[in-house]
Amino acid sequence: MKQFTLELNKNIQRPVIKLTDWHQYDVMLDTGALFPVWVDDEATLIAMGSECIKDSVEFSGIGGKANGKLYRLPYLKIGDLIYPGLPIIAYQIEIPCQMLLSATMFSHLRYEVDDENHCLNVTVPDSQSCVRNLTIKDENGHLQVLCTSGDENLIDTAVK
């Protein structure tokens, strides 16, 4: 079992974390979200090496139904977790972060928002890897999300 803790921003009443090991971006954990969403300027996403996979995808959330672009981010690092080739929807809105982390990104892990101590505690069971494979599929016009444990050997290639 592996455990790590990330500090929450004490000045925001939502669970916002600064990813100190990944571009210093602020990200917010949205426990009701299925998809990770890039909510900042799309040009920044492209500058990080992301490629557009699909120009228009409809998704639920953010107050109803919305349309965004589906990108593949080379990798994302959240504490000890690595997401190589992360699919992410780009949809610009004004919130106090650059990205929404979906609950599905933490499938099969234990995570706790500790509001009293301003931290996010994550536990990776022995049966899971810190490398996470997130897949977004279009099944008959409905987006589906799957997050599985990945190959630890992908860590070095993902972050280069």
N, C-alpha and C. Protein backbone atom coordinates (compact mmCIF):
# COMPACT_ATOMS: atom_id res chain seq x y z
N MET A 1 0.85 -1.16 0.00
CA MET A 1 0.00 0.00 0.00
C MET A 1 0.90 1.23 0.00
N LYS A 2 0.53 2.22 -0.83
CA LYS A 2 1.27 3.48 -0.90
C LYS A 2 0.32 4.62 -0.55
N GLN A 3 0.80 5.58 0.22
CA GLN A 3 -0.04 6.71 0.62
C GLN A 3 0.72 8.01 0.36
N PHE A 4 -0.04 9.04 0.00
CA PHE A 4 0.55 10.37 -0.11
C PHE A 4 -0.53 11.41 0.18
N THR A 5 -0.10 12.61 0.50
CA THR A 5 -0.99 13.70 0.87
C THR A 5 -0.63 14.94 0.06
N LEU A 6 -1.66 15.62 -0.43
CA LEU A 6 -1.48 16.87 -1.15
C LEU A 6 -2.20 17.98 -0.38
N GLU A 7 -1.61 19.13 -0.35
CA GLU A 7 -2.18 20.25 0.39
C GLU A 7 -3.27 20.94 -0.42
N LEU A 8 -4.40 21.23 0.25
CA LEU A 8 -5.49 21.99 -0.37
C LEU A 8 -5.25 23.48 -0.16
N ASN A 9 -5.70 24.27 -1.13
CA ASN A 9 -5.61 25.72 -1.01
C ASN A 9 -6.57 26.17 0.09
N LYS A 10 -6.04 26.78 1.13
CA LYS A 10 -6.84 27.19 2.29
C LYS A 10 -7.72 28.40 1.99
N ASN A 11 -7.43 29.12 0.91
CA ASN A 11 -8.17 30.33 0.59
C ASN A 11 -9.39 30.11 -0.30
N ILE A 12 -9.60 28.87 -0.71
CA ILE A 12 -10.72 28.54 -1.60
C ILE A 12 -11.58 27.49 -0.89
N GLN A 13 -12.90 27.68 -0.92
CA GLN A 13 -13.79 26.76 -0.21
C GLN A 13 -14.06 25.46 -0.97
N ARG A 14 -13.32 25.19 -2.00
CA ARG A 14 -13.46 23.96 -2.77
C ARG A 14 -12.14 23.20 -2.69
N PRO A 15 -12.15 21.90 -2.98
CA PRO A 15 -10.89 21.13 -2.90
C PRO A 15 -9.97 21.41 -4.09
N VAL A 16 -9.16 22.47 -3.97
CA VAL A 16 -8.22 22.88 -5.02
C VAL A 16 -6.80 22.58 -4.54
N ILE A 17 -6.05 21.92 -5.41
CA ILE A 17 -4.69 21.48 -5.12
C ILE A 17 -3.74 22.13 -6.11
N LYS A 18 -2.58 22.56 -5.66
CA LYS A 18 -1.54 23.02 -6.58
C LYS A 18 -0.66 21.82 -6.89
N LEU A 19 -0.53 21.51 -8.18
CA LEU A 19 0.31 20.39 -8.60
C LEU A 19 1.75 20.88 -8.70
N THR A 20 2.46 20.82 -7.60
CA THR A 20 3.82 21.36 -7.53
C THR A 20 4.79 20.58 -8.41
N ASP A 21 4.49 19.31 -8.72
CA ASP A 21 5.36 18.50 -9.58
C ASP A 21 4.92 18.52 -11.04
N TRP A 22 3.92 19.34 -11.37
CA TRP A 22 3.40 19.35 -12.74
C TRP A 22 2.95 20.77 -13.10
N HIS A 23 3.81 21.57 -13.62
CA HIS A 23 3.54 22.92 -14.14
C HIS A 23 2.99 23.91 -13.12
N GLN A 24 2.92 23.55 -11.85
CA GLN A 24 2.40 24.45 -10.81
C GLN A 24 0.94 24.84 -11.03
N TYR A 25 0.19 24.02 -11.75
CA TYR A 25 -1.22 24.34 -12.02
C TYR A 25 -2.09 24.02 -10.82
N ASP A 26 -3.17 24.78 -10.70
CA ASP A 26 -4.19 24.51 -9.70
C ASP A 26 -5.25 23.62 -10.33
N VAL A 27 -5.62 22.56 -9.62
CA VAL A 27 -6.64 21.64 -10.10
C VAL A 27 -7.67 21.44 -8.99
N MET A 28 -8.91 21.23 -9.39
CA MET A 28 -9.97 21.03 -8.40
C MET A 28 -10.54 19.62 -8.54
N LEU A 29 -10.65 18.94 -7.43
CA LEU A 29 -11.27 17.62 -7.40
C LEU A 29 -12.78 17.80 -7.45
N ASP A 30 -13.41 17.22 -8.46
CA ASP A 30 -14.86 17.27 -8.62
C ASP A 30 -15.36 15.83 -8.48
N THR A 31 -15.84 15.49 -7.29
CA THR A 31 -16.22 14.11 -7.01
C THR A 31 -17.44 13.65 -7.80
N GLY A 32 -18.14 14.57 -8.43
CA GLY A 32 -19.28 14.19 -9.26
C GLY A 32 -18.95 14.09 -10.73
N ALA A 33 -17.71 14.40 -11.11
CA ALA A 33 -17.33 14.43 -12.52
C ALA A 33 -16.88 13.05 -13.02
N LEU A 34 -17.25 12.75 -14.25
CA LEU A 34 -16.79 11.53 -14.91
C LEU A 34 -15.52 11.76 -15.71
N PHE A 35 -15.38 12.97 -16.25
CA PHE A 35 -14.30 13.28 -17.17
C PHE A 35 -13.39 14.36 -16.61
N PRO A 36 -12.08 14.23 -16.81
CA PRO A 36 -11.21 15.36 -16.50
C PRO A 36 -11.47 16.46 -17.53
N VAL A 37 -11.49 17.70 -17.07
CA VAL A 37 -11.81 18.82 -17.96
C VAL A 37 -10.76 19.91 -17.80
N TRP A 38 -10.18 20.33 -18.92
CA TRP A 38 -9.27 21.47 -18.94
C TRP A 38 -10.15 22.70 -19.08
N VAL A 39 -10.17 23.58 -18.08
CA VAL A 39 -11.09 24.72 -18.07
C VAL A 39 -10.39 26.03 -18.38
N ASP A 40 -9.09 26.00 -18.60
CA ASP A 40 -8.30 27.19 -18.89
C ASP A 40 -8.15 27.34 -20.41
N ASP A 41 -7.30 28.25 -20.82
CA ASP A 41 -7.06 28.54 -22.22
C ASP A 41 -6.57 27.29 -22.97
N GLU A 42 -7.20 26.99 -24.09
CA GLU A 42 -6.85 25.81 -24.87
C GLU A 42 -5.42 25.89 -25.42
N ALA A 43 -4.93 27.11 -25.67
CA ALA A 43 -3.57 27.29 -26.19
C ALA A 43 -2.53 26.73 -25.21
N THR A 44 -2.80 26.82 -23.91
CA THR A 44 -1.89 26.28 -22.90
C THR A 44 -1.86 24.76 -22.99
N LEU A 45 -3.01 24.15 -23.18
CA LEU A 45 -3.11 22.70 -23.33
C LEU A 45 -2.30 22.24 -24.55
N ILE A 46 -2.41 22.96 -25.64
CA ILE A 46 -1.68 22.63 -26.86
C ILE A 46 -0.18 22.83 -26.65
N ALA A 47 0.20 23.90 -25.95
CA ALA A 47 1.62 24.18 -25.69
C ALA A 47 2.28 23.08 -24.86
N MET A 48 1.47 22.33 -24.09
CA MET A 48 2.01 21.22 -23.29
C MET A 48 2.16 19.95 -24.13
N GLY A 49 1.87 20.04 -25.43
CA GLY A 49 2.04 18.89 -26.31
C GLY A 49 0.78 18.07 -26.51
N SER A 50 -0.35 18.58 -26.10
CA SER A 50 -1.61 17.84 -26.26
C SER A 50 -2.05 17.87 -27.72
N GLU A 51 -2.67 16.80 -28.14
CA GLU A 51 -3.21 16.74 -29.49
C GLU A 51 -4.73 16.59 -29.43
N CYS A 52 -5.39 17.27 -30.35
CA CYS A 52 -6.85 17.19 -30.43
C CYS A 52 -7.24 15.88 -31.09
N ILE A 53 -8.09 15.11 -30.42
CA ILE A 53 -8.53 13.82 -30.94
C ILE A 53 -9.89 13.95 -31.62
N LYS A 54 -10.74 14.81 -31.06
CA LYS A 54 -12.08 14.99 -31.61
C LYS A 54 -12.51 16.44 -31.36
N ASP A 55 -13.00 17.09 -32.41
CA ASP A 55 -13.32 18.52 -32.33
C ASP A 55 -14.55 18.85 -31.50
N SER A 56 -15.47 17.91 -31.39
CA SER A 56 -16.68 18.21 -30.62
C SER A 56 -17.18 16.96 -29.92
N VAL A 57 -17.26 17.03 -28.60
CA VAL A 57 -17.85 15.96 -27.82
C VAL A 57 -18.84 16.59 -26.85
N GLU A 58 -20.00 15.97 -26.75
CA GLU A 58 -21.00 16.43 -25.79
C GLU A 58 -20.79 15.67 -24.50
N PHE A 59 -20.82 16.39 -23.40
CA PHE A 59 -20.67 15.74 -22.10
C PHE A 59 -21.59 16.41 -21.10
N SER A 60 -21.93 15.67 -20.06
CA SER A 60 -22.78 16.21 -19.00
C SER A 60 -21.91 16.74 -17.88
N GLY A 61 -22.44 17.71 -17.19
CA GLY A 61 -21.72 18.31 -16.07
C GLY A 61 -21.61 19.80 -16.29
N ILE A 62 -20.91 20.46 -15.41
CA ILE A 62 -20.72 21.90 -15.49
C ILE A 62 -22.07 22.59 -15.69
N GLY A 63 -23.05 22.18 -14.91
CA GLY A 63 -24.35 22.82 -14.93
C GLY A 63 -25.30 22.31 -16.00
N GLY A 64 -25.01 21.19 -16.61
CA GLY A 64 -25.90 20.65 -17.65
C GLY A 64 -25.08 19.98 -18.74
N LYS A 65 -25.57 20.06 -19.97
CA LYS A 65 -24.84 19.49 -21.11
C LYS A 65 -23.96 20.57 -21.72
N ALA A 66 -22.79 20.15 -22.19
CA ALA A 66 -21.85 21.09 -22.79
C ALA A 66 -21.12 20.40 -23.94
N ASN A 67 -20.50 21.18 -24.78
CA ASN A 67 -19.67 20.67 -25.87
C ASN A 67 -18.24 21.15 -25.67
N GLY A 68 -17.31 20.24 -25.84
CA GLY A 68 -15.90 20.58 -25.74
C GLY A 68 -15.11 19.80 -26.76
N LYS A 69 -13.81 19.99 -26.76
CA LYS A 69 -12.92 19.24 -27.63
C LYS A 69 -12.21 18.18 -26.80
N LEU A 70 -12.02 17.01 -27.38
CA LEU A 70 -11.32 15.93 -26.69
C LEU A 70 -9.85 15.95 -27.11
N TYR A 71 -8.97 16.07 -26.12
CA TYR A 71 -7.53 16.10 -26.33
C TYR A 71 -6.89 14.89 -25.66
N ARG A 72 -5.64 14.64 -26.04
CA ARG A 72 -4.81 13.66 -25.33
C ARG A 72 -3.60 14.42 -24.81
N LEU A 73 -3.51 14.51 -23.50
CA LEU A 73 -2.41 15.17 -22.81
C LEU A 73 -1.28 14.16 -22.68
N PRO A 74 -0.01 14.53 -22.99
CA PRO A 74 1.07 13.53 -22.91
C PRO A 74 1.13 12.80 -21.57
N TYR A 75 0.98 13.54 -20.48
CA TYR A 75 0.90 12.91 -19.17
C TYR A 75 0.44 13.94 -18.15
N LEU A 76 -0.06 13.43 -17.03
CA LEU A 76 -0.43 14.26 -15.89
C LEU A 76 0.14 13.59 -14.65
N LYS A 77 0.69 14.39 -13.75
CA LYS A 77 1.23 13.87 -12.49
C LYS A 77 0.49 14.52 -11.34
N ILE A 78 -0.11 13.69 -10.50
CA ILE A 78 -0.83 14.14 -9.30
C ILE A 78 -0.19 13.41 -8.12
N GLY A 79 0.67 14.09 -7.40
CA GLY A 79 1.38 13.42 -6.31
C GLY A 79 2.19 12.27 -6.88
N ASP A 80 1.94 11.06 -6.41
CA ASP A 80 2.64 9.87 -6.90
C ASP A 80 1.94 9.21 -8.07
N LEU A 81 0.79 9.72 -8.47
CA LEU A 81 0.03 9.13 -9.57
C LEU A 81 0.48 9.72 -10.90
N ILE A 82 0.61 8.84 -11.91
CA ILE A 82 0.98 9.25 -13.26
C ILE A 82 -0.12 8.77 -14.20
N TYR A 83 -0.59 9.67 -15.05
CA TYR A 83 -1.61 9.36 -16.06
C TYR A 83 -0.99 9.59 -17.44
N PRO A 84 -0.38 8.55 -18.05
CA PRO A 84 0.20 8.73 -19.39
C PRO A 84 -0.90 8.80 -20.45
N GLY A 85 -0.72 9.67 -21.43
CA GLY A 85 -1.69 9.77 -22.53
C GLY A 85 -3.10 10.07 -22.06
N LEU A 86 -3.24 11.01 -21.14
CA LEU A 86 -4.54 11.29 -20.51
C LEU A 86 -5.52 11.95 -21.47
N PRO A 87 -6.68 11.31 -21.72
CA PRO A 87 -7.73 11.99 -22.48
C PRO A 87 -8.39 13.04 -21.58
N ILE A 88 -8.59 14.23 -22.14
CA ILE A 88 -9.14 15.33 -21.36
C ILE A 88 -10.02 16.19 -22.27
N ILE A 89 -11.12 16.64 -21.73
CA ILE A 89 -12.02 17.50 -22.49
C ILE A 89 -11.65 18.95 -22.21
N ALA A 90 -11.55 19.75 -23.27
CA ALA A 90 -11.27 21.18 -23.13
C ALA A 90 -12.59 21.93 -23.22
N TYR A 91 -12.88 22.67 -22.17
CA TYR A 91 -14.11 23.47 -22.10
C TYR A 91 -13.82 24.65 -21.18
N GLN A 92 -13.68 25.82 -21.73
CA GLN A 92 -13.23 26.97 -20.95
C GLN A 92 -14.38 27.59 -20.15
N ILE A 93 -14.15 27.69 -18.83
CA ILE A 93 -15.07 28.39 -17.93
C ILE A 93 -14.23 29.10 -16.87
N GLU A 94 -14.85 30.03 -16.20
CA GLU A 94 -14.15 30.80 -15.16
C GLU A 94 -14.35 30.14 -13.80
N ILE A 95 -13.35 29.40 -13.36
CA ILE A 95 -13.32 28.85 -12.01
C ILE A 95 -11.89 28.98 -11.49
N PRO A 96 -11.66 28.86 -10.19
CA PRO A 96 -10.33 29.16 -9.63
C PRO A 96 -9.28 28.06 -9.81
N CYS A 97 -9.19 27.52 -11.04
CA CYS A 97 -8.21 26.49 -11.32
C CYS A 97 -8.07 26.35 -12.84
N GLN A 98 -7.12 25.52 -13.26
CA GLN A 98 -6.94 25.27 -14.69
C GLN A 98 -7.59 23.96 -15.14
N MET A 99 -7.90 23.09 -14.18
CA MET A 99 -8.37 21.76 -14.55
C MET A 99 -9.26 21.18 -13.48
N LEU A 100 -10.26 20.40 -13.92
CA LEU A 100 -11.11 19.62 -13.00
C LEU A 100 -10.65 18.17 -13.05
N LEU A 101 -10.36 17.61 -11.90
CA LEU A 101 -10.04 16.19 -11.79
C LEU A 101 -11.33 15.45 -11.54
N SER A 102 -11.57 14.39 -12.27
CA SER A 102 -12.79 13.62 -12.09
C SER A 102 -12.61 12.52 -11.05
N ALA A 103 -13.70 12.15 -10.41
CA ALA A 103 -13.66 11.05 -9.44
C ALA A 103 -13.21 9.76 -10.11
N THR A 104 -13.53 9.58 -11.40
CA THR A 104 -13.15 8.36 -12.10
C THR A 104 -11.63 8.20 -12.21
N MET A 105 -10.90 9.30 -12.10
CA MET A 105 -9.44 9.21 -12.15
C MET A 105 -8.87 8.49 -10.94
N PHE A 106 -9.68 8.38 -9.89
CA PHE A 106 -9.25 7.74 -8.65
C PHE A 106 -9.95 6.40 -8.42
N SER A 107 -10.49 5.81 -9.50
CA SER A 107 -11.15 4.51 -9.39
C SER A 107 -10.21 3.48 -8.76
N HIS A 108 -10.73 2.69 -7.86
CA HIS A 108 -10.01 1.61 -7.16
C HIS A 108 -8.95 2.14 -6.20
N LEU A 109 -8.98 3.43 -5.91
CA LEU A 109 -8.08 4.02 -4.93
C LEU A 109 -8.94 4.55 -3.78
N ARG A 110 -8.32 4.84 -2.68
CA ARG A 110 -9.02 5.47 -1.56
C ARG A 110 -8.54 6.91 -1.48
N TYR A 111 -9.49 7.85 -1.49
CA TYR A 111 -9.10 9.25 -1.36
C TYR A 111 -10.04 9.95 -0.39
N GLU A 112 -9.48 10.88 0.33
CA GLU A 112 -10.22 11.58 1.37
C GLU A 112 -9.88 13.06 1.31
N VAL A 113 -10.93 13.88 1.20
CA VAL A 113 -10.74 15.32 1.30
C VAL A 113 -10.85 15.65 2.78
N ASP A 114 -9.74 16.03 3.39
CA ASP A 114 -9.69 16.37 4.80
C ASP A 114 -9.75 17.90 4.90
N ASP A 115 -10.98 18.42 4.99
CA ASP A 115 -11.20 19.85 5.00
C ASP A 115 -10.63 20.51 6.26
N GLU A 116 -10.69 19.80 7.37
CA GLU A 116 -10.18 20.35 8.63
C GLU A 116 -8.69 20.64 8.56
N ASN A 117 -7.94 19.70 7.96
CA ASN A 117 -6.48 19.85 7.87
C ASN A 117 -6.02 20.35 6.49
N HIS A 118 -6.97 20.67 5.64
CA HIS A 118 -6.69 21.23 4.30
C HIS A 118 -5.78 20.32 3.48
N CYS A 119 -6.19 19.06 3.33
CA CYS A 119 -5.37 18.16 2.53
C CYS A 119 -6.22 17.09 1.84
N LEU A 120 -5.65 16.54 0.78
CA LEU A 120 -6.22 15.40 0.07
C LEU A 120 -5.30 14.22 0.35
N ASN A 121 -5.85 13.18 0.97
CA ASN A 121 -5.09 11.96 1.28
C ASN A 121 -5.46 10.89 0.26
N VAL A 122 -4.44 10.28 -0.35
CA VAL A 122 -4.67 9.25 -1.36
C VAL A 122 -3.94 7.99 -0.93
N THR A 123 -4.65 6.86 -1.02
CA THR A 123 -4.07 5.55 -0.73
C THR A 123 -4.19 4.69 -1.98
N VAL A 124 -3.06 4.13 -2.40
CA VAL A 124 -3.01 3.22 -3.55
C VAL A 124 -2.84 1.81 -2.98
N PRO A 125 -3.87 0.97 -3.06
CA PRO A 125 -3.74 -0.40 -2.53
C PRO A 125 -2.67 -1.19 -3.27
N ASP A 126 -2.18 -2.25 -2.65
CA ASP A 126 -1.16 -3.08 -3.27
C ASP A 126 -1.61 -3.66 -4.60
N SER A 127 -2.90 -3.84 -4.78
CA SER A 127 -3.43 -4.41 -6.03
C SER A 127 -3.46 -3.41 -7.18
N GLN A 128 -3.12 -2.16 -6.89
CA GLN A 128 -3.17 -1.10 -7.90
C GLN A 128 -1.78 -0.51 -8.12
N SER A 129 -1.63 0.14 -9.26
CA SER A 129 -0.38 0.81 -9.61
C SER A 129 -0.56 2.32 -9.49
N CYS A 130 0.54 3.03 -9.31
CA CYS A 130 0.51 4.49 -9.34
C CYS A 130 0.36 5.01 -10.77
N VAL A 131 0.60 4.14 -11.75
CA VAL A 131 0.34 4.50 -13.14
C VAL A 131 -1.12 4.18 -13.42
N ARG A 132 -1.86 5.19 -13.88
CA ARG A 132 -3.30 5.05 -14.10
C ARG A 132 -3.60 5.22 -15.58
N ASN A 133 -4.35 4.30 -16.15
CA ASN A 133 -4.76 4.38 -17.55
C ASN A 133 -6.22 4.81 -17.61
N LEU A 134 -6.46 6.03 -18.07
CA LEU A 134 -7.83 6.53 -18.20
C LEU A 134 -8.21 6.46 -19.67
N THR A 135 -9.37 5.89 -19.93
CA THR A 135 -9.87 5.75 -21.29
C THR A 135 -11.24 6.38 -21.38
N ILE A 136 -11.47 7.18 -22.41
CA ILE A 136 -12.79 7.73 -22.70
C ILE A 136 -13.22 7.15 -24.04
N LYS A 137 -14.38 6.48 -24.05
CA LYS A 137 -14.88 5.85 -25.27
C LYS A 137 -16.25 6.43 -25.61
N ASP A 138 -16.53 6.52 -26.89
CA ASP A 138 -17.84 6.94 -27.36
C ASP A 138 -18.64 5.68 -27.69
N GLU A 139 -19.61 5.37 -26.87
CA GLU A 139 -20.46 4.19 -27.07
C GLU A 139 -21.85 4.66 -27.46
N ASN A 140 -22.16 4.59 -28.75
CA ASN A 140 -23.48 4.99 -29.27
C ASN A 140 -23.87 6.40 -28.84
N GLY A 141 -22.94 7.32 -28.96
CA GLY A 141 -23.23 8.71 -28.64
C GLY A 141 -23.12 9.07 -27.17
N HIS A 142 -22.74 8.13 -26.32
CA HIS A 142 -22.57 8.39 -24.89
C HIS A 142 -21.11 8.13 -24.52
N LEU A 143 -20.50 9.10 -23.89
CA LEU A 143 -19.11 8.93 -23.47
C LEU A 143 -19.04 8.05 -22.24
N GLN A 144 -18.13 7.10 -22.26
CA GLN A 144 -17.90 6.19 -21.14
C GLN A 144 -16.46 6.38 -20.67
N VAL A 145 -16.23 6.21 -19.36
CA VAL A 145 -14.90 6.40 -18.80
C VAL A 145 -14.49 5.13 -18.06
N LEU A 146 -13.22 4.76 -18.22
CA LEU A 146 -12.66 3.60 -17.51
C LEU A 146 -11.27 3.98 -17.04
N CYS A 147 -10.97 3.73 -15.78
CA CYS A 147 -9.63 3.97 -15.25
C CYS A 147 -9.12 2.66 -14.66
N THR A 148 -7.96 2.24 -15.14
CA THR A 148 -7.39 0.98 -14.68
C THR A 148 -5.95 1.20 -14.23
N SER A 149 -5.45 0.24 -13.50
CA SER A 149 -4.07 0.25 -13.05
C SER A 149 -3.18 0.00 -14.25
N GLY A 150 -2.03 0.70 -14.30
CA GLY A 150 -1.16 0.59 -15.46
C GLY A 150 0.17 -0.05 -15.16
N ASP A 151 1.02 -0.06 -16.16
CA ASP A 151 2.34 -0.66 -16.11
C ASP A 151 3.33 0.34 -15.49
N GLU A 152 3.94 -0.04 -14.39
CA GLU A 152 4.91 0.83 -13.70
C GLU A 152 6.06 1.24 -14.62
N ASN A 153 6.37 0.43 -15.63
CA ASN A 153 7.46 0.76 -16.55
C ASN A 153 7.13 1.97 -17.43
N LEU A 154 5.87 2.37 -17.47
CA LEU A 154 5.47 3.52 -18.27
C LEU A 154 5.81 4.85 -17.60
N ILE A 155 6.16 4.84 -16.33
CA ILE A 155 6.45 6.09 -15.62
C ILE A 155 7.59 6.84 -16.32
N ASP A 156 8.70 6.19 -16.59
CA ASP A 156 9.84 6.87 -17.19
C ASP A 156 9.53 7.42 -18.57
N THR A 157 8.82 6.65 -19.39
CA THR A 157 8.52 7.13 -20.74
C THR A 157 7.44 8.20 -20.73
N ALA A 158 6.54 8.18 -19.77
CA ALA A 158 5.45 9.15 -19.73
C ALA A 158 5.94 10.55 -19.38
N VAL A 159 6.89 10.67 -18.49
CA VAL A 159 7.29 11.99 -18.01
C VAL A 159 8.49 12.58 -18.77
N LYS A 160 8.98 11.92 -19.80
CA LYS A 160 10.10 12.46 -20.59
C LYS A 160 9.60 13.36 -21.68
